[in-house]
Amino acid sequence: MKTITLLLLGFALAVGAVAQDETKKSDEKKSEKKAAASNDKLQADLVTKEKALWDAWGKKDGKPFEESMNPDTVGVDAVNGISIGRDTAVKQVTTHNCEVKSYNLSDEKVTPIDKDAVILTYKADQDVTCGGQKMPSTVYASSIWKKQGGKWWAAFHQETPATPAPQ
């Protein structure tokens, strides 16, 4: 009788442990889904902000840059080289000699750096002429966005012209 009781007790403990493990796995899956949904929303929000900056750049409108760029933002591109500071960026946006006929962003991806910073990478196909010179039709871009005071701020942006694949 003691053997049966011990076997039943062991079985009950094993069943309880399996049930607890399944509950833990279920909670982990729910947590992963919630995190993925949160990341998807953040990506959509940041892509919207990034597109608004592209639109503003094409229209020489500095206001969106003033409202979304960190004061010590850094930019790196083929036209301006390395630019430091929001005021510099706003001046460049409002005085550039570029004509933006069209652009399209694709392959957007947000990669967390830490809980308050992410890097947004994407491909930009563009029809842009600056100072009479055609700009690369495709660039690969990255922007670092950081959260301060509950708001996401653009802290860094760079563009690398795409080159044809070697033959």
N, C-alpha and C. Protein backbone atom coordinates (compact mmCIF):
# COMPACT_ATOMS: atom_id res chain seq x y z
N MET A 1 0.82 -1.19 0.00
CA MET A 1 0.00 0.00 0.00
C MET A 1 0.87 1.26 0.00
N LYS A 2 1.94 1.24 0.82
CA LYS A 2 2.83 2.39 0.86
C LYS A 2 3.48 2.62 -0.51
N THR A 3 3.79 1.55 -1.20
CA THR A 3 4.42 1.67 -2.51
C THR A 3 3.46 2.33 -3.50
N ILE A 4 2.21 1.93 -3.47
CA ILE A 4 1.20 2.51 -4.36
C ILE A 4 0.99 3.97 -4.01
N THR A 5 0.93 4.29 -2.74
CA THR A 5 0.75 5.67 -2.31
C THR A 5 1.93 6.52 -2.78
N LEU A 6 3.15 5.99 -2.64
CA LEU A 6 4.33 6.73 -3.08
C LEU A 6 4.33 6.90 -4.60
N LEU A 7 3.91 5.85 -5.32
CA LEU A 7 3.83 5.95 -6.77
C LEU A 7 2.79 7.00 -7.19
N LEU A 8 1.64 6.98 -6.55
CA LEU A 8 0.60 7.95 -6.87
C LEU A 8 1.05 9.38 -6.54
N LEU A 9 1.72 9.53 -5.40
CA LEU A 9 2.23 10.84 -5.01
C LEU A 9 3.27 11.32 -6.02
N GLY A 10 4.16 10.42 -6.43
CA GLY A 10 5.17 10.76 -7.43
C GLY A 10 4.53 11.14 -8.75
N PHE A 11 3.53 10.38 -9.16
CA PHE A 11 2.82 10.67 -10.39
C PHE A 11 2.13 12.03 -10.33
N ALA A 12 1.49 12.31 -9.20
CA ALA A 12 0.80 13.60 -9.02
C ALA A 12 1.80 14.75 -9.09
N LEU A 13 2.95 14.58 -8.47
CA LEU A 13 3.97 15.63 -8.51
C LEU A 13 4.48 15.82 -9.94
N ALA A 14 4.67 14.75 -10.66
CA ALA A 14 5.15 14.83 -12.04
C ALA A 14 4.13 15.54 -12.93
N VAL A 15 2.85 15.18 -12.78
CA VAL A 15 1.79 15.81 -13.56
C VAL A 15 1.73 17.30 -13.24
N GLY A 16 1.86 17.64 -11.96
CA GLY A 16 1.85 19.04 -11.55
C GLY A 16 3.02 19.81 -12.15
N ALA A 17 4.19 19.17 -12.16
CA ALA A 17 5.38 19.82 -12.72
C ALA A 17 5.22 20.05 -14.22
N VAL A 18 4.67 19.07 -14.93
CA VAL A 18 4.44 19.21 -16.37
C VAL A 18 3.43 20.31 -16.63
N ALA A 19 2.35 20.35 -15.86
CA ALA A 19 1.33 21.38 -16.03
C ALA A 19 1.93 22.76 -15.76
N GLN A 20 2.75 22.85 -14.72
CA GLN A 20 3.39 24.13 -14.40
C GLN A 20 4.34 24.55 -15.53
N ASP A 21 5.07 23.59 -16.09
CA ASP A 21 5.99 23.87 -17.19
C ASP A 21 5.21 24.35 -18.42
N GLU A 22 4.08 23.72 -18.71
CA GLU A 22 3.25 24.12 -19.85
C GLU A 22 2.70 25.52 -19.65
N THR A 23 2.28 25.84 -18.43
CA THR A 23 1.79 27.18 -18.12
C THR A 23 2.89 28.20 -18.33
N LYS A 24 4.11 27.87 -17.88
CA LYS A 24 5.25 28.76 -18.04
C LYS A 24 5.54 28.99 -19.53
N LYS A 25 5.53 27.90 -20.32
CA LYS A 25 5.76 28.02 -21.76
C LYS A 25 4.69 28.88 -22.41
N SER A 26 3.44 28.69 -22.00
CA SER A 26 2.33 29.47 -22.54
C SER A 26 2.50 30.95 -22.21
N ASP A 27 2.88 31.24 -20.97
CA ASP A 27 3.12 32.63 -20.56
C ASP A 27 4.27 33.24 -21.35
N GLU A 28 5.33 32.46 -21.58
CA GLU A 28 6.48 32.95 -22.35
C GLU A 28 6.07 33.27 -23.79
N LYS A 29 5.24 32.39 -24.39
CA LYS A 29 4.78 32.63 -25.76
C LYS A 29 3.93 33.89 -25.83
N LYS A 30 3.05 34.08 -24.82
CA LYS A 30 2.22 35.29 -24.79
C LYS A 30 3.10 36.52 -24.66
N SER A 31 4.11 36.44 -23.82
CA SER A 31 5.03 37.56 -23.62
C SER A 31 5.79 37.87 -24.91
N GLU A 32 6.23 36.82 -25.62
CA GLU A 32 6.94 37.00 -26.89
C GLU A 32 6.03 37.64 -27.93
N LYS A 33 4.76 37.21 -28.00
CA LYS A 33 3.82 37.78 -28.95
C LYS A 33 3.56 39.25 -28.63
N LYS A 34 3.43 39.56 -27.34
CA LYS A 34 3.20 40.94 -26.92
C LYS A 34 4.40 41.81 -27.30
N ALA A 35 5.61 41.31 -27.06
CA ALA A 35 6.82 42.05 -27.40
C ALA A 35 6.92 42.27 -28.91
N ALA A 36 6.58 41.23 -29.69
CA ALA A 36 6.62 41.35 -31.15
C ALA A 36 5.60 42.38 -31.64
N ALA A 37 4.41 42.37 -31.06
CA ALA A 37 3.38 43.35 -31.44
C ALA A 37 3.83 44.76 -31.08
N SER A 38 4.46 44.91 -29.92
CA SER A 38 4.97 46.21 -29.50
C SER A 38 6.07 46.68 -30.44
N ASN A 39 6.96 45.76 -30.85
CA ASN A 39 8.04 46.09 -31.78
C ASN A 39 7.47 46.46 -33.15
N ASP A 40 6.43 45.75 -33.59
CA ASP A 40 5.79 46.06 -34.87
C ASP A 40 5.19 47.47 -34.84
N LYS A 41 4.54 47.83 -33.74
CA LYS A 41 3.94 49.15 -33.60
C LYS A 41 5.03 50.21 -33.59
N LEU A 42 6.10 49.96 -32.84
CA LEU A 42 7.21 50.92 -32.80
C LEU A 42 7.80 51.10 -34.19
N GLN A 43 8.00 50.00 -34.90
CA GLN A 43 8.55 50.09 -36.26
C GLN A 43 7.63 50.92 -37.15
N ALA A 44 6.34 50.66 -37.10
CA ALA A 44 5.40 51.42 -37.92
C ALA A 44 5.45 52.91 -37.57
N ASP A 45 5.50 53.21 -36.27
CA ASP A 45 5.56 54.61 -35.84
C ASP A 45 6.84 55.29 -36.32
N LEU A 46 7.97 54.61 -36.18
CA LEU A 46 9.24 55.22 -36.59
C LEU A 46 9.36 55.36 -38.10
N VAL A 47 8.83 54.39 -38.84
CA VAL A 47 8.84 54.50 -40.30
C VAL A 47 7.98 55.69 -40.73
N THR A 48 6.85 55.90 -40.06
CA THR A 48 6.01 57.07 -40.35
C THR A 48 6.77 58.36 -40.09
N LYS A 49 7.49 58.42 -38.97
CA LYS A 49 8.29 59.60 -38.65
C LYS A 49 9.40 59.81 -39.68
N GLU A 50 10.05 58.72 -40.07
CA GLU A 50 11.14 58.81 -41.04
C GLU A 50 10.62 59.32 -42.39
N LYS A 51 9.47 58.80 -42.82
CA LYS A 51 8.87 59.25 -44.08
C LYS A 51 8.48 60.72 -44.00
N ALA A 52 8.00 61.16 -42.84
CA ALA A 52 7.64 62.57 -42.67
C ALA A 52 8.88 63.45 -42.84
N LEU A 53 10.03 62.97 -42.37
CA LEU A 53 11.27 63.73 -42.54
C LEU A 53 11.69 63.76 -44.00
N TRP A 54 11.53 62.65 -44.71
CA TRP A 54 11.84 62.65 -46.14
C TRP A 54 10.92 63.64 -46.88
N ASP A 55 9.62 63.62 -46.54
CA ASP A 55 8.68 64.56 -47.16
C ASP A 55 9.11 66.00 -46.89
N ALA A 56 9.43 66.28 -45.64
CA ALA A 56 9.83 67.64 -45.24
C ALA A 56 11.11 68.05 -45.95
N TRP A 57 12.05 67.13 -46.08
CA TRP A 57 13.30 67.43 -46.79
C TRP A 57 13.00 67.84 -48.24
N GLY A 58 12.13 67.08 -48.88
CA GLY A 58 11.77 67.39 -50.27
C GLY A 58 11.10 68.75 -50.43
N LYS A 59 10.42 69.20 -49.38
CA LYS A 59 9.70 70.48 -49.42
C LYS A 59 10.49 71.62 -48.77
N LYS A 60 11.71 71.31 -48.32
CA LYS A 60 12.55 72.30 -47.61
C LYS A 60 11.87 72.84 -46.36
N ASP A 61 11.15 71.96 -45.68
CA ASP A 61 10.40 72.32 -44.48
C ASP A 61 11.19 71.88 -43.24
N GLY A 62 11.75 72.82 -42.50
CA GLY A 62 12.57 72.50 -41.34
C GLY A 62 11.80 72.17 -40.08
N LYS A 63 10.52 72.52 -40.03
CA LYS A 63 9.74 72.33 -38.80
C LYS A 63 9.71 70.87 -38.31
N PRO A 64 9.41 69.88 -39.17
CA PRO A 64 9.43 68.50 -38.67
C PRO A 64 10.80 68.08 -38.13
N PHE A 65 11.87 68.63 -38.67
CA PHE A 65 13.21 68.32 -38.17
C PHE A 65 13.40 68.93 -36.79
N GLU A 66 12.94 70.17 -36.61
CA GLU A 66 13.02 70.82 -35.31
C GLU A 66 12.25 70.02 -34.25
N GLU A 67 11.12 69.46 -34.66
CA GLU A 67 10.24 68.77 -33.73
C GLU A 67 10.64 67.32 -33.43
N SER A 68 11.47 66.73 -34.28
CA SER A 68 11.77 65.31 -34.06
C SER A 68 13.25 64.97 -33.93
N MET A 69 14.12 65.95 -34.12
CA MET A 69 15.54 65.66 -34.01
C MET A 69 16.07 66.05 -32.64
N ASN A 70 16.93 65.21 -32.12
CA ASN A 70 17.64 65.49 -30.90
C ASN A 70 18.56 66.70 -31.14
N PRO A 71 18.75 67.59 -30.16
CA PRO A 71 19.61 68.76 -30.38
C PRO A 71 21.03 68.42 -30.84
N ASP A 72 21.55 67.27 -30.41
CA ASP A 72 22.93 66.91 -30.78
C ASP A 72 22.97 65.82 -31.85
N THR A 73 21.94 65.80 -32.70
CA THR A 73 21.85 64.79 -33.75
C THR A 73 23.07 64.84 -34.68
N VAL A 74 23.36 63.72 -35.28
CA VAL A 74 24.48 63.61 -36.23
C VAL A 74 23.93 63.02 -37.53
N GLY A 75 24.36 63.60 -38.64
CA GLY A 75 23.98 63.09 -39.95
C GLY A 75 25.21 62.85 -40.80
N VAL A 76 25.16 61.82 -41.65
CA VAL A 76 26.26 61.50 -42.55
C VAL A 76 25.65 61.17 -43.91
N ASP A 77 26.02 61.98 -44.92
CA ASP A 77 25.53 61.68 -46.26
C ASP A 77 26.50 62.22 -47.30
N ALA A 78 26.25 61.88 -48.56
CA ALA A 78 27.17 62.23 -49.65
C ALA A 78 27.18 63.72 -49.97
N VAL A 79 26.10 64.41 -49.70
CA VAL A 79 26.00 65.83 -50.04
C VAL A 79 26.64 66.71 -48.96
N ASN A 80 26.31 66.44 -47.68
CA ASN A 80 26.76 67.31 -46.59
C ASN A 80 27.95 66.76 -45.80
N GLY A 81 28.33 65.54 -46.05
CA GLY A 81 29.38 64.94 -45.24
C GLY A 81 28.86 64.65 -43.84
N ILE A 82 29.60 65.06 -42.83
CA ILE A 82 29.18 64.86 -41.43
C ILE A 82 28.61 66.17 -40.91
N SER A 83 27.38 66.12 -40.43
CA SER A 83 26.70 67.29 -39.88
C SER A 83 26.38 67.01 -38.42
N ILE A 84 26.64 67.99 -37.57
CA ILE A 84 26.37 67.81 -36.15
C ILE A 84 25.42 68.90 -35.68
N GLY A 85 24.36 68.48 -35.03
CA GLY A 85 23.41 69.41 -34.42
C GLY A 85 22.14 69.60 -35.21
N ARG A 86 21.05 69.74 -34.47
CA ARG A 86 19.73 69.95 -35.07
C ARG A 86 19.69 71.25 -35.87
N ASP A 87 20.27 72.33 -35.32
CA ASP A 87 20.25 73.62 -36.03
C ASP A 87 20.93 73.52 -37.39
N THR A 88 22.05 72.81 -37.44
CA THR A 88 22.76 72.61 -38.71
C THR A 88 21.88 71.83 -39.68
N ALA A 89 21.24 70.77 -39.18
CA ALA A 89 20.37 69.95 -40.03
C ALA A 89 19.21 70.77 -40.57
N VAL A 90 18.59 71.57 -39.73
CA VAL A 90 17.46 72.39 -40.16
C VAL A 90 17.92 73.39 -41.22
N LYS A 91 19.07 73.99 -41.03
CA LYS A 91 19.59 74.95 -42.03
C LYS A 91 19.84 74.24 -43.36
N GLN A 92 20.43 73.04 -43.31
CA GLN A 92 20.68 72.29 -44.54
C GLN A 92 19.37 71.93 -45.25
N VAL A 93 18.36 71.55 -44.48
CA VAL A 93 17.08 71.16 -45.06
C VAL A 93 16.41 72.35 -45.74
N THR A 94 16.48 73.51 -45.12
CA THR A 94 15.74 74.67 -45.64
C THR A 94 16.49 75.42 -46.74
N THR A 95 17.77 75.11 -46.94
CA THR A 95 18.55 75.85 -47.93
C THR A 95 19.14 74.97 -49.04
N HIS A 96 18.88 73.66 -49.01
CA HIS A 96 19.50 72.79 -50.01
C HIS A 96 19.02 73.15 -51.42
N ASN A 97 19.83 72.75 -52.40
CA ASN A 97 19.47 73.02 -53.80
C ASN A 97 19.11 71.71 -54.50
N CYS A 98 18.30 70.92 -53.83
CA CYS A 98 17.90 69.62 -54.38
C CYS A 98 16.45 69.64 -54.83
N GLU A 99 16.20 68.87 -55.87
CA GLU A 99 14.83 68.65 -56.33
C GLU A 99 14.50 67.19 -56.08
N VAL A 100 13.49 66.97 -55.26
CA VAL A 100 13.07 65.60 -54.92
C VAL A 100 11.82 65.31 -55.74
N LYS A 101 11.99 64.48 -56.77
CA LYS A 101 10.84 64.12 -57.61
C LYS A 101 10.04 63.00 -56.97
N SER A 102 10.75 62.02 -56.39
CA SER A 102 10.05 60.91 -55.74
C SER A 102 11.02 60.15 -54.86
N TYR A 103 10.45 59.37 -53.96
CA TYR A 103 11.23 58.45 -53.14
C TYR A 103 10.31 57.34 -52.66
N ASN A 104 10.91 56.22 -52.32
CA ASN A 104 10.16 55.10 -51.75
C ASN A 104 11.06 54.37 -50.77
N LEU A 105 10.56 54.15 -49.56
CA LEU A 105 11.30 53.40 -48.56
C LEU A 105 10.80 51.97 -48.53
N SER A 106 11.72 51.03 -48.38
CA SER A 106 11.34 49.62 -48.31
C SER A 106 12.32 48.87 -47.41
N ASP A 107 11.99 47.62 -47.14
CA ASP A 107 12.84 46.74 -46.33
C ASP A 107 13.15 47.33 -44.96
N GLU A 108 12.18 48.04 -44.37
CA GLU A 108 12.38 48.67 -43.08
C GLU A 108 12.50 47.63 -41.98
N LYS A 109 13.42 47.89 -41.05
CA LYS A 109 13.59 46.98 -39.92
C LYS A 109 14.09 47.77 -38.71
N VAL A 110 13.45 47.52 -37.58
CA VAL A 110 13.89 48.12 -36.31
C VAL A 110 14.64 47.07 -35.52
N THR A 111 15.83 47.43 -35.07
CA THR A 111 16.65 46.55 -34.23
C THR A 111 16.93 47.28 -32.92
N PRO A 112 16.52 46.69 -31.79
CA PRO A 112 16.76 47.35 -30.51
C PRO A 112 18.26 47.43 -30.19
N ILE A 113 18.66 48.57 -29.64
CA ILE A 113 20.01 48.74 -29.12
C ILE A 113 19.93 48.53 -27.61
N ASP A 114 18.97 49.18 -26.99
CA ASP A 114 18.61 48.94 -25.59
C ASP A 114 17.15 49.36 -25.43
N LYS A 115 16.66 49.46 -24.19
CA LYS A 115 15.22 49.71 -24.01
C LYS A 115 14.79 51.10 -24.50
N ASP A 116 15.74 52.02 -24.63
CA ASP A 116 15.40 53.38 -25.06
C ASP A 116 16.11 53.81 -26.33
N ALA A 117 16.58 52.86 -27.12
CA ALA A 117 17.25 53.22 -28.38
C ALA A 117 17.11 52.07 -29.38
N VAL A 118 16.86 52.45 -30.63
CA VAL A 118 16.75 51.46 -31.71
C VAL A 118 17.44 52.01 -32.94
N ILE A 119 17.78 51.09 -33.83
CA ILE A 119 18.30 51.50 -35.13
C ILE A 119 17.26 51.06 -36.18
N LEU A 120 16.88 52.00 -37.01
CA LEU A 120 15.95 51.75 -38.10
C LEU A 120 16.77 51.70 -39.39
N THR A 121 16.72 50.58 -40.08
CA THR A 121 17.44 50.44 -41.34
C THR A 121 16.41 50.25 -42.46
N TYR A 122 16.79 50.73 -43.65
CA TYR A 122 15.89 50.59 -44.79
C TYR A 122 16.62 50.92 -46.09
N LYS A 123 15.95 50.60 -47.16
CA LYS A 123 16.42 50.92 -48.51
C LYS A 123 15.56 52.07 -49.01
N ALA A 124 16.19 53.07 -49.63
CA ALA A 124 15.45 54.19 -50.20
C ALA A 124 15.76 54.28 -51.69
N ASP A 125 14.73 54.16 -52.50
CA ASP A 125 14.85 54.40 -53.94
C ASP A 125 14.36 55.83 -54.16
N GLN A 126 15.17 56.61 -54.87
CA GLN A 126 14.86 58.03 -54.98
C GLN A 126 15.16 58.57 -56.37
N ASP A 127 14.43 59.61 -56.72
CA ASP A 127 14.71 60.37 -57.93
C ASP A 127 14.99 61.79 -57.44
N VAL A 128 16.26 62.09 -57.23
CA VAL A 128 16.69 63.35 -56.63
C VAL A 128 17.86 63.93 -57.43
N THR A 129 17.81 65.22 -57.63
CA THR A 129 18.90 65.95 -58.27
C THR A 129 19.30 67.09 -57.32
N CYS A 130 20.61 67.21 -57.05
CA CYS A 130 21.12 68.27 -56.19
C CYS A 130 22.18 69.06 -56.95
N GLY A 131 21.95 70.36 -57.05
CA GLY A 131 22.90 71.20 -57.78
C GLY A 131 23.10 70.76 -59.21
N GLY A 132 22.06 70.24 -59.82
CA GLY A 132 22.14 69.78 -61.20
C GLY A 132 22.73 68.38 -61.35
N GLN A 133 23.15 67.78 -60.25
CA GLN A 133 23.75 66.45 -60.31
C GLN A 133 22.77 65.39 -59.77
N LYS A 134 22.59 64.35 -60.56
CA LYS A 134 21.71 63.25 -60.17
C LYS A 134 22.31 62.51 -58.97
N MET A 135 21.51 62.33 -57.94
CA MET A 135 21.94 61.59 -56.75
C MET A 135 21.74 60.09 -57.00
N PRO A 136 22.43 59.24 -56.24
CA PRO A 136 22.26 57.79 -56.43
C PRO A 136 20.78 57.41 -56.35
N SER A 137 20.36 56.55 -57.25
CA SER A 137 18.94 56.18 -57.28
C SER A 137 18.55 55.29 -56.11
N THR A 138 19.52 54.61 -55.50
CA THR A 138 19.24 53.77 -54.34
C THR A 138 20.28 54.03 -53.27
N VAL A 139 19.81 54.21 -52.04
CA VAL A 139 20.70 54.31 -50.89
C VAL A 139 20.19 53.37 -49.81
N TYR A 140 21.13 52.90 -49.01
CA TYR A 140 20.79 52.14 -47.81
C TYR A 140 20.97 53.09 -46.64
N ALA A 141 19.96 53.21 -45.81
CA ALA A 141 19.98 54.21 -44.75
C ALA A 141 19.80 53.57 -43.39
N SER A 142 20.33 54.26 -42.40
CA SER A 142 20.10 53.86 -41.01
C SER A 142 19.90 55.12 -40.18
N SER A 143 18.96 55.01 -39.26
CA SER A 143 18.67 56.11 -38.34
C SER A 143 18.61 55.51 -36.94
N ILE A 144 19.26 56.20 -36.02
CA ILE A 144 19.14 55.80 -34.61
C ILE A 144 18.12 56.72 -33.98
N TRP A 145 17.15 56.09 -33.34
CA TRP A 145 16.11 56.82 -32.62
C TRP A 145 16.27 56.49 -31.14
N LYS A 146 16.20 57.53 -30.29
CA LYS A 146 16.29 57.27 -28.86
C LYS A 146 15.12 57.93 -28.14
N LYS A 147 14.69 57.25 -27.10
CA LYS A 147 13.53 57.70 -26.34
C LYS A 147 13.99 58.52 -25.15
N GLN A 148 13.48 59.75 -25.06
CA GLN A 148 13.76 60.63 -23.94
C GLN A 148 12.47 61.36 -23.58
N GLY A 149 12.17 61.40 -22.30
CA GLY A 149 10.96 62.10 -21.88
C GLY A 149 9.70 61.53 -22.49
N GLY A 150 9.70 60.23 -22.77
CA GLY A 150 8.52 59.58 -23.34
C GLY A 150 8.34 59.78 -24.83
N LYS A 151 9.30 60.43 -25.49
CA LYS A 151 9.20 60.71 -26.92
C LYS A 151 10.41 60.15 -27.64
N TRP A 152 10.19 59.66 -28.87
CA TRP A 152 11.29 59.15 -29.70
C TRP A 152 11.88 60.30 -30.51
N TRP A 153 13.21 60.45 -30.43
CA TRP A 153 13.95 61.52 -31.10
C TRP A 153 14.95 60.91 -32.08
N ALA A 154 15.08 61.54 -33.24
CA ALA A 154 16.10 61.13 -34.21
C ALA A 154 17.46 61.61 -33.70
N ALA A 155 18.38 60.67 -33.50
CA ALA A 155 19.69 61.01 -32.94
C ALA A 155 20.81 60.89 -33.97
N PHE A 156 20.58 60.09 -35.01
CA PHE A 156 21.63 59.84 -35.99
C PHE A 156 20.98 59.36 -37.28
N HIS A 157 21.56 59.78 -38.42
CA HIS A 157 21.08 59.30 -39.72
C HIS A 157 22.27 59.24 -40.67
N GLN A 158 22.33 58.17 -41.45
CA GLN A 158 23.37 58.03 -42.47
C GLN A 158 22.80 57.35 -43.69
N GLU A 159 23.40 57.65 -44.83
CA GLU A 159 23.00 57.02 -46.09
C GLU A 159 24.23 56.55 -46.84
N THR A 160 24.14 55.35 -47.37
CA THR A 160 25.23 54.76 -48.17
C THR A 160 24.68 54.47 -49.56
N PRO A 161 25.27 55.10 -50.58
CA PRO A 161 24.81 54.83 -51.95
C PRO A 161 25.00 53.36 -52.31
N ALA A 162 24.01 52.79 -52.96
CA ALA A 162 24.13 51.41 -53.46
C ALA A 162 24.98 51.42 -54.72
N THR A 163 25.77 50.41 -54.87
CA THR A 163 26.58 50.27 -56.08
C THR A 163 26.12 49.01 -56.81
N PRO A 164 26.29 48.98 -58.12
CA PRO A 164 25.90 47.78 -58.86
C PRO A 164 26.68 46.56 -58.35
N ALA A 165 26.04 45.42 -58.37
CA ALA A 165 26.70 44.19 -57.98
C ALA A 165 27.81 43.85 -58.96
N PRO A 166 28.93 43.32 -58.46
CA PRO A 166 30.02 42.94 -59.37
C PRO A 166 29.56 41.89 -60.38
N GLN A 167 30.05 42.00 -61.60
CA GLN A 167 29.68 41.03 -62.65
C GLN A 167 30.57 39.83 -62.66
